[in-house]
Protein backbone atom coordinates (compact mmCIF):
# COMPACT_ATOMS: atom_id res chain seq x y z
CA THR A 1 -28.76 -25.18 33.72
CA PHE A 2 -29.71 -25.88 30.15
CA ASN A 3 -33.47 -25.37 29.97
CA ILE A 4 -33.98 -25.30 26.21
CA SER A 5 -31.68 -28.04 24.93
CA ASN A 6 -31.14 -31.63 25.96
CA ILE A 7 -27.41 -31.23 26.52
CA SER A 8 -27.76 -32.03 30.24
CA THR A 9 -28.88 -35.57 29.40
CA ALA A 10 -26.21 -36.08 26.73
CA CYS A 11 -23.43 -34.59 28.85
CA PRO A 12 -24.34 -34.47 32.54
CA ASP A 13 -21.09 -32.75 33.59
CA ALA A 14 -21.61 -29.78 31.26
CA GLU A 15 -21.87 -26.38 32.91
CA CYS A 16 -21.82 -22.74 31.92
CA LEU A 17 -18.86 -20.73 33.13
CA PHE A 18 -18.49 -16.99 32.94
CA ALA A 19 -15.24 -15.90 31.37
CA PHE A 20 -14.33 -12.33 32.23
CA TYR A 21 -11.78 -9.99 30.80
CA GLY A 22 -9.37 -8.76 33.37
CA GLY A 23 -6.79 -10.08 35.72
CA GLU A 24 -3.55 -9.23 37.38
CA THR A 25 -1.02 -10.12 34.68
CA LEU A 26 1.20 -7.57 32.96
CA TYR A 27 -0.95 -7.83 29.83
CA HIS A 28 -4.14 -7.00 31.71
CA LYS A 29 -2.61 -4.11 33.61
CA TYR A 30 -1.32 -2.35 30.49
CA LEU A 31 -4.00 -3.36 28.00
CA ILE A 32 -5.09 0.23 27.23
CA LEU A 33 -1.46 1.29 26.82
CA PHE A 34 -0.85 -1.58 24.41
CA GLN A 35 -3.87 -0.54 22.35
CA PHE A 36 -2.57 3.01 22.09
CA TYR A 37 0.78 1.56 21.01
CA ASN A 38 -1.02 -0.52 18.35
CA LEU A 39 -2.87 2.58 17.15
CA PHE A 40 0.40 4.51 16.92
CA LEU A 41 2.04 1.69 14.95
CA PHE A 42 -0.95 1.49 12.62
CA PHE A 43 -0.70 5.18 11.79
CA TRP A 44 3.09 4.96 11.47
CA CYS A 45 2.91 1.98 9.09
CA ALA A 46 0.11 3.52 7.02
CA ASN A 47 2.05 6.75 6.61
CA PHE A 48 5.27 4.86 5.88
CA VAL A 49 3.61 2.94 3.04
CA THR A 50 2.11 6.17 1.68
CA ALA A 51 5.46 7.96 1.83
CA LEU A 52 7.23 5.00 0.23
CA GLY A 53 4.78 5.19 -2.68
CA GLN A 54 5.35 8.92 -3.03
CA VAL A 55 9.14 8.54 -2.97
CA THR A 56 8.92 5.71 -5.51
CA LEU A 57 6.83 7.79 -7.90
CA ALA A 58 9.05 10.83 -7.39
CA GLY A 59 12.10 8.72 -8.28
CA ALA A 60 10.39 7.35 -11.38
CA PHE A 61 9.44 10.85 -12.54
CA ALA A 62 12.94 12.12 -11.74
CA SER A 63 14.54 9.39 -13.83
CA TYR A 64 12.54 10.70 -16.78
CA TYR A 65 13.15 14.37 -15.98
CA TRP A 66 16.92 14.09 -15.51
CA ALA A 67 17.52 11.86 -18.55
CA PHE A 68 19.77 13.72 -20.99
CA LYS A 69 18.70 11.71 -24.04
CA LYS A 70 15.02 11.07 -23.39
CA PRO A 71 14.33 7.76 -25.06
CA ASP A 72 17.78 6.24 -24.45
CA ASP A 73 18.61 7.20 -20.85
CA ILE A 74 15.23 6.25 -19.34
CA PRO A 75 15.45 2.86 -17.57
CA ALA A 76 13.34 -0.04 -18.77
CA PHE A 77 11.32 -0.29 -15.56
CA PRO A 78 11.57 3.12 -13.87
CA VAL A 79 9.06 2.37 -11.09
CA PHE A 80 10.78 -0.86 -10.04
CA ASN A 81 14.20 0.79 -10.22
CA SER A 82 12.92 3.68 -8.13
CA LEU A 83 11.38 1.29 -5.58
CA GLY A 84 14.73 -0.47 -5.28
CA ARG A 85 16.48 2.85 -4.69
CA ALA A 86 13.88 3.90 -2.13
CA LEU A 87 14.16 0.65 -0.20
């Protein structure tokens, strides 16, 4: 029943239904397992992005360090070149 509002006069077939979480589908049975899987993938992706940034910077610094003639052998965009090599 709608005691406070006048929705019962405007829409006489309106009713409140309780929606519950749970059931017997494959999703509901393994919901906790799926959340652990999502947590694992979150940590894996976060560490992958961090490691990709570290490898990219290491490649950019290495392109400077291993250049024989310092101003001439350094690439124009060392970070983008290093990101391309890392990917």
